[in-house]
Amino acid sequence: MAFLAWVFFRYAFSAGSHPPGSTNISRTSILAAAPCAVMVFVWSYLTNGDPAYTLVQAAVNDLMR
């Protein structure tokens, strides 16, 4: 996702007055990861999974990224 954000900001906004910084690229990557984390909880709920276990696993996964 970071690569896609870099390509988008590099070419879509290349004609702008100032080049995008790494802050915009990292924010885009974080926003792209958020729906993935939410879907973990949705699938866990749909399969009657343990919510506490799902929360710990999602938190560890997000910390390791």
PDB file of N, CA and C in Angstrom:
ATOM      1  N   MET A   1       0.828  -1.198   0.000  1.00  0.00           N
ATOM      2  CA  MET A   1       0.000   0.000   0.000  1.00  0.00           C
ATOM      3  C   MET A   1       0.860   1.244   0.000  1.00  0.00           C
ATOM      4  N   ALA A   2       2.007   1.195   0.676  1.00  0.00           N
ATOM      5  CA  ALA A   2       2.901   2.347   0.668  1.00  0.00           C
ATOM      6  C   ALA A   2       3.392   2.634  -0.747  1.00  0.00           C
ATOM      7  N   PHE A   3       3.650   1.581  -1.511  1.00  0.00           N
ATOM      8  CA  PHE A   3       4.079   1.773  -2.897  1.00  0.00           C
ATOM      9  C   PHE A   3       2.981   2.434  -3.727  1.00  0.00           C
ATOM     10  N   LEU A   4       1.745   1.972  -3.565  1.00  0.00           N
ATOM     11  CA  LEU A   4       0.638   2.579  -4.310  1.00  0.00           C
ATOM     12  C   LEU A   4       0.438   4.044  -3.921  1.00  0.00           C
ATOM     13  N   ALA A   5       0.582   4.344  -2.638  1.00  0.00           N
ATOM     14  CA  ALA A   5       0.464   5.734  -2.196  1.00  0.00           C
ATOM     15  C   ALA A   5       1.577   6.580  -2.793  1.00  0.00           C
ATOM     16  N   TRP A   6       2.789   6.031  -2.830  1.00  0.00           N
ATOM     17  CA  TRP A   6       3.916   6.771  -3.405  1.00  0.00           C
ATOM     18  C   TRP A   6       3.675   7.053  -4.885  1.00  0.00           C
ATOM     19  N   VAL A   7       3.215   6.040  -5.628  1.00  0.00           N
ATOM     20  CA  VAL A   7       2.942   6.223  -7.056  1.00  0.00           C
ATOM     21  C   VAL A   7       1.844   7.260  -7.255  1.00  0.00           C
ATOM     22  N   PHE A   8       0.792   7.161  -6.471  1.00  0.00           N
ATOM     23  CA  PHE A   8      -0.323   8.099  -6.618  1.00  0.00           C
ATOM     24  C   PHE A   8       0.129   9.532  -6.359  1.00  0.00           C
ATOM     25  N   PHE A   9       0.821   9.760  -5.246  1.00  0.00           N
ATOM     26  CA  PHE A   9       1.250  11.118  -4.927  1.00  0.00           C
ATOM     27  C   PHE A   9       2.341  11.597  -5.871  1.00  0.00           C
ATOM     28  N   ARG A  10       3.167  10.697  -6.345  1.00  0.00           N
ATOM     29  CA  ARG A  10       4.264  11.085  -7.234  1.00  0.00           C
ATOM     30  C   ARG A  10       3.739  11.541  -8.594  1.00  0.00           C
ATOM     31  N   TYR A  11       2.766  10.819  -9.138  1.00  0.00           N
ATOM     32  CA  TYR A  11       2.310  11.125 -10.489  1.00  0.00           C
ATOM     33  C   TYR A  11       1.014  11.930 -10.536  1.00  0.00           C
ATOM     34  N   ALA A  12       0.106  11.713  -9.623  1.00  0.00           N
ATOM     35  CA  ALA A  12      -1.168  12.441  -9.648  1.00  0.00           C
ATOM     36  C   ALA A  12      -0.988  13.883  -9.202  1.00  0.00           C
ATOM     37  N   PHE A  13      -0.092  14.107  -8.254  1.00  0.00           N
ATOM     38  CA  PHE A  13       0.110  15.456  -7.734  1.00  0.00           C
ATOM     39  C   PHE A  13       1.453  16.035  -8.134  1.00  0.00           C
ATOM     40  N   SER A  14       2.060  15.512  -9.199  1.00  0.00           N
ATOM     41  CA  SER A  14       3.387  15.999  -9.586  1.00  0.00           C
ATOM     42  C   SER A  14       3.342  17.415 -10.143  1.00  0.00           C
ATOM     43  N   ALA A  15       2.190  17.852 -10.619  1.00  0.00           N
ATOM     44  CA  ALA A  15       2.085  19.203 -11.175  1.00  0.00           C
ATOM     45  C   ALA A  15       1.755  20.239 -10.103  1.00  0.00           C
ATOM     46  N   GLY A  16       1.628  19.816  -8.860  1.00  0.00           N
ATOM     47  CA  GLY A  16       1.280  20.724  -7.766  1.00  0.00           C
ATOM     48  C   GLY A  16       2.425  21.665  -7.434  1.00  0.00           C
ATOM     49  N   SER A  17       2.142  22.623  -6.582  1.00  0.00           N
ATOM     50  CA  SER A  17       3.137  23.635  -6.233  1.00  0.00           C
ATOM     51  C   SER A  17       4.226  23.090  -5.322  1.00  0.00           C
ATOM     52  N   HIS A  18       3.911  22.083  -4.534  1.00  0.00           N
ATOM     53  CA  HIS A  18       4.934  21.493  -3.669  1.00  0.00           C
ATOM     54  C   HIS A  18       4.798  19.981  -3.702  1.00  0.00           C
ATOM     55  N   PRO A  19       5.898  19.265  -3.642  1.00  0.00           N
ATOM     56  CA  PRO A  19       5.827  17.806  -3.690  1.00  0.00           C
ATOM     57  C   PRO A  19       5.272  17.247  -2.388  1.00  0.00           C
ATOM     58  N   PRO A  20       4.577  16.130  -2.454  1.00  0.00           N
ATOM     59  CA  PRO A  20       4.038  15.529  -1.233  1.00  0.00           C
ATOM     60  C   PRO A  20       5.159  14.985  -0.367  1.00  0.00           C
ATOM     61  N   GLY A  21       4.992  15.103   0.916  1.00  0.00           N
ATOM     62  CA  GLY A  21       5.992  14.590   1.837  1.00  0.00           C
ATOM     63  C   GLY A  21       5.719  13.153   2.212  1.00  0.00           C
ATOM     64  N   SER A  22       6.634  12.586   2.944  1.00  0.00           N
ATOM     65  CA  SER A  22       6.457  11.203   3.380  1.00  0.00           C
ATOM     66  C   SER A  22       5.312  11.076   4.379  1.00  0.00           C
ATOM     67  N   THR A  23       4.931  12.204   4.998  1.00  0.00           N
ATOM     68  CA  THR A  23       3.819  12.177   5.940  1.00  0.00           C
ATOM     69  C   THR A  23       2.519  11.799   5.239  1.00  0.00           C
ATOM     70  N   ASN A  24       2.283  12.363   4.060  1.00  0.00           N
ATOM     71  CA  ASN A  24       1.069  12.033   3.318  1.00  0.00           C
ATOM     72  C   ASN A  24       1.060  10.577   2.892  1.00  0.00           C
ATOM     73  N   ILE A  25       2.209  10.056   2.506  1.00  0.00           N
ATOM     74  CA  ILE A  25       2.284   8.664   2.076  1.00  0.00           C
ATOM     75  C   ILE A  25       2.039   7.739   3.259  1.00  0.00           C
ATOM     76  N   SER A  26       2.606   8.038   4.407  1.00  0.00           N
ATOM     77  CA  SER A  26       2.395   7.177   5.571  1.00  0.00           C
ATOM     78  C   SER A  26       0.951   7.256   6.054  1.00  0.00           C
ATOM     79  N   ARG A  27       0.342   8.426   5.991  1.00  0.00           N
ATOM     80  CA  ARG A  27      -1.071   8.546   6.379  1.00  0.00           C
ATOM     81  C   ARG A  27      -1.964   7.734   5.462  1.00  0.00           C
ATOM     82  N   THR A  28      -1.662   7.745   4.168  1.00  0.00           N
ATOM     83  CA  THR A  28      -2.448   6.968   3.225  1.00  0.00           C
ATOM     84  C   THR A  28      -2.314   5.483   3.510  1.00  0.00           C
ATOM     85  N   SER A  29      -1.124   5.038   3.854  1.00  0.00           N
ATOM     86  CA  SER A  29      -0.911   3.624   4.177  1.00  0.00           C
ATOM     87  C   SER A  29      -1.686   3.218   5.417  1.00  0.00           C
ATOM     88  N   ILE A  30      -1.707   4.084   6.422  1.00  0.00           N
ATOM     89  CA  ILE A  30      -2.438   3.774   7.653  1.00  0.00           C
ATOM     90  C   ILE A  30      -3.940   3.713   7.382  1.00  0.00           C
ATOM     91  N   LEU A  31      -4.445   4.632   6.577  1.00  0.00           N
ATOM     92  CA  LEU A  31      -5.868   4.616   6.247  1.00  0.00           C
ATOM     93  C   LEU A  31      -6.238   3.371   5.450  1.00  0.00           C
ATOM     94  N   ALA A  32      -5.322   2.897   4.637  1.00  0.00           N
ATOM     95  CA  ALA A  32      -5.598   1.697   3.849  1.00  0.00           C
ATOM     96  C   ALA A  32      -5.603   0.457   4.731  1.00  0.00           C
ATOM     97  N   ALA A  33      -4.840   0.465   5.801  1.00  0.00           N
ATOM     98  CA  ALA A  33      -4.779  -0.703   6.686  1.00  0.00           C
ATOM     99  C   ALA A  33      -5.980  -0.787   7.619  1.00  0.00           C
ATOM    100  N   ALA A  34      -6.631   0.326   7.901  1.00  0.00           N
ATOM    101  CA  ALA A  34      -7.734   0.339   8.854  1.00  0.00           C
ATOM    102  C   ALA A  34      -8.899  -0.572   8.448  1.00  0.00           C
ATOM    103  N   PRO A  35      -9.358  -0.551   7.199  1.00  0.00           N
ATOM    104  CA  PRO A  35     -10.467  -1.454   6.853  1.00  0.00           C
ATOM    105  C   PRO A  35     -10.098  -2.922   7.006  1.00  0.00           C
ATOM    106  N   CYS A  36      -8.839  -3.265   6.792  1.00  0.00           N
ATOM    107  CA  CYS A  36      -8.416  -4.659   6.956  1.00  0.00           C
ATOM    108  C   CYS A  36      -8.558  -5.086   8.409  1.00  0.00           C
ATOM    109  N   ALA A  37      -8.161  -4.221   9.334  1.00  0.00           N
ATOM    110  CA  ALA A  37      -8.267  -4.550  10.753  1.00  0.00           C
ATOM    111  C   ALA A  37      -9.728  -4.672  11.172  1.00  0.00           C
ATOM    112  N   VAL A  38     -10.571  -3.839  10.629  1.00  0.00           N
ATOM    113  CA  VAL A  38     -11.995  -3.894  10.971  1.00  0.00           C
ATOM    114  C   VAL A  38     -12.623  -5.185  10.443  1.00  0.00           C
ATOM    115  N   MET A  39     -12.213  -5.633   9.281  1.00  0.00           N
ATOM    116  CA  MET A  39     -12.771  -6.859   8.726  1.00  0.00           C
ATOM    117  C   MET A  39     -12.411  -8.076   9.576  1.00  0.00           C
ATOM    118  N   VAL A  40     -11.279  -8.030  10.280  1.00  0.00           N
ATOM    119  CA  VAL A  40     -10.934  -9.115  11.186  1.00  0.00           C
ATOM    120  C   VAL A  40     -12.011  -9.253  12.258  1.00  0.00           C
ATOM    121  N   PHE A  41     -12.463  -8.133  12.790  1.00  0.00           N
ATOM    122  CA  PHE A  41     -13.505  -8.161  13.817  1.00  0.00           C
ATOM    123  C   PHE A  41     -14.851  -8.587  13.249  1.00  0.00           C
ATOM    124  N   VAL A  42     -15.145  -8.172  12.040  1.00  0.00           N
ATOM    125  CA  VAL A  42     -16.411  -8.560  11.411  1.00  0.00           C
ATOM    126  C   VAL A  42     -16.442 -10.070  11.180  1.00  0.00           C
ATOM    127  N   TRP A  43     -15.361 -10.620  10.609  1.00  0.00           N
ATOM    128  CA  TRP A  43     -15.338 -12.058  10.364  1.00  0.00           C
ATOM    129  C   TRP A  43     -15.344 -12.839  11.659  1.00  0.00           C
ATOM    130  N   SER A  44     -14.664 -12.323  12.682  1.00  0.00           N
ATOM    131  CA  SER A  44     -14.687 -12.997  13.977  1.00  0.00           C
ATOM    132  C   SER A  44     -16.103 -13.025  14.550  1.00  0.00           C
ATOM    133  N   TYR A  45     -16.818 -11.929  14.407  1.00  0.00           N
ATOM    134  CA  TYR A  45     -18.200 -11.867  14.895  1.00  0.00           C
ATOM    135  C   TYR A  45     -19.095 -12.834  14.111  1.00  0.00           C
ATOM    136  N   LEU A  46     -18.909 -12.866  12.796  1.00  0.00           N
ATOM    137  CA  LEU A  46     -19.747 -13.729  11.965  1.00  0.00           C
ATOM    138  C   LEU A  46     -19.510 -15.213  12.242  1.00  0.00           C
ATOM    139  N   THR A  47     -18.331 -15.563  12.695  1.00  0.00           N
ATOM    140  CA  THR A  47     -18.023 -16.964  12.978  1.00  0.00           C
ATOM    141  C   THR A  47     -18.131 -17.291  14.463  1.00  0.00           C
ATOM    142  N   ASN A  48     -18.713 -16.367  15.236  1.00  0.00           N
ATOM    143  CA  ASN A  48     -18.872 -16.539  16.683  1.00  0.00           C
ATOM    144  C   ASN A  48     -17.526 -16.767  17.382  1.00  0.00           C
ATOM    145  N   GLY A  49     -16.521 -15.996  16.949  1.00  0.00           N
ATOM    146  CA  GLY A  49     -15.197 -16.102  17.551  1.00  0.00           C
ATOM    147  C   GLY A  49     -15.119 -15.384  18.890  1.00  0.00           C
ATOM    148  N   ASP A  50     -14.009 -15.586  19.568  1.00  0.00           N
ATOM    149  CA  ASP A  50     -13.775 -14.952  20.867  1.00  0.00           C
ATOM    150  C   ASP A  50     -13.307 -13.517  20.640  1.00  0.00           C
ATOM    151  N   PRO A  51     -14.088 -12.501  21.070  1.00  0.00           N
ATOM    152  CA  PRO A  51     -13.724 -11.109  20.792  1.00  0.00           C
ATOM    153  C   PRO A  51     -12.418 -10.680  21.466  1.00  0.00           C
ATOM    154  N   ALA A  52     -12.146 -11.181  22.676  1.00  0.00           N
ATOM    155  CA  ALA A  52     -10.911 -10.795  23.367  1.00  0.00           C
ATOM    156  C   ALA A  52      -9.689 -11.339  22.633  1.00  0.00           C
ATOM    157  N   TYR A  53      -9.776 -12.581  22.193  1.00  0.00           N
ATOM    158  CA  TYR A  53      -8.675 -13.187  21.447  1.00  0.00           C
ATOM    159  C   TYR A  53      -8.459 -12.457  20.122  1.00  0.00           C
ATOM    160  N   THR A  54      -9.540 -12.102  19.458  1.00  0.00           N
ATOM    161  CA  THR A  54      -9.447 -11.379  18.195  1.00  0.00           C
ATOM    162  C   THR A  54      -8.800 -10.024  18.398  1.00  0.00           C
ATOM    163  N   LEU A  55      -9.153  -9.336  19.458  1.00  0.00           N
ATOM    164  CA  LEU A  55      -8.569  -8.029  19.744  1.00  0.00           C
ATOM    165  C   LEU A  55      -7.069  -8.127  19.965  1.00  0.00           C
ATOM    166  N   VAL A  56      -6.648  -9.109  20.736  1.00  0.00           N
ATOM    167  CA  VAL A  56      -5.209  -9.292  20.998  1.00  0.00           C
ATOM    168  C   VAL A  56      -4.475  -9.628  19.707  1.00  0.00           C
ATOM    169  N   GLN A  57      -5.018 -10.531  18.921  1.00  0.00           N
ATOM    170  CA  GLN A  57      -4.361 -10.911  17.677  1.00  0.00           C
ATOM    171  C   GLN A  57      -4.279  -9.745  16.688  1.00  0.00           C
ATOM    172  N   ALA A  58      -5.334  -8.949  16.576  1.00  0.00           N
ATOM    173  CA  ALA A  58      -5.313  -7.795  15.677  1.00  0.00           C
ATOM    174  C   ALA A  58      -4.323  -6.743  16.161  1.00  0.00           C
ATOM    175  N   ALA A  59      -4.241  -6.542  17.481  1.00  0.00           N
ATOM    176  CA  ALA A  59      -3.296  -5.570  18.032  1.00  0.00           C
ATOM    177  C   ALA A  59      -1.857  -6.001  17.786  1.00  0.00           C
ATOM    178  N   VAL A  60      -1.567  -7.276  18.002  1.00  0.00           N
ATOM    179  CA  VAL A  60      -0.210  -7.782  17.753  1.00  0.00           C
ATOM    180  C   VAL A  60       0.129  -7.665  16.272  1.00  0.00           C
ATOM    181  N   ASN A  61      -0.817  -7.977  15.415  1.00  0.00           N
ATOM    182  CA  ASN A  61      -0.593  -7.862  13.980  1.00  0.00           C
ATOM    183  C   ASN A  61      -0.302  -6.420  13.574  1.00  0.00           C
ATOM    184  N   ASP A  62      -1.054  -5.468  14.116  1.00  0.00           N
ATOM    185  CA  ASP A  62      -0.836  -4.068  13.780  1.00  0.00           C
ATOM    186  C   ASP A  62       0.495  -3.554  14.328  1.00  0.00           C
ATOM    187  N   LEU A  63       0.905  -4.034  15.480  1.00  0.00           N
ATOM    188  CA  LEU A  63       2.187  -3.615  16.039  1.00  0.00           C
ATOM    189  C   LEU A  63       3.366  -4.158  15.244  1.00  0.00           C
ATOM    190  N   MET A  64       3.191  -5.308  14.648  1.00  0.00           N
ATOM    191  CA  MET A  64       4.290  -5.928  13.897  1.00  0.00           C
ATOM    192  C   MET A  64       4.433  -5.373  12.498  1.00  0.00           C
ATOM    193  N   ARG A  65       3.492  -4.598  12.035  1.00  0.00           N
ATOM    194  CA  ARG A  65       3.597  -4.022  10.682  1.00  0.00           C
ATOM    195  C   ARG A  65       4.575  -2.940  10.645  1.00  0.00           C
TER     196      ARG A  65
END
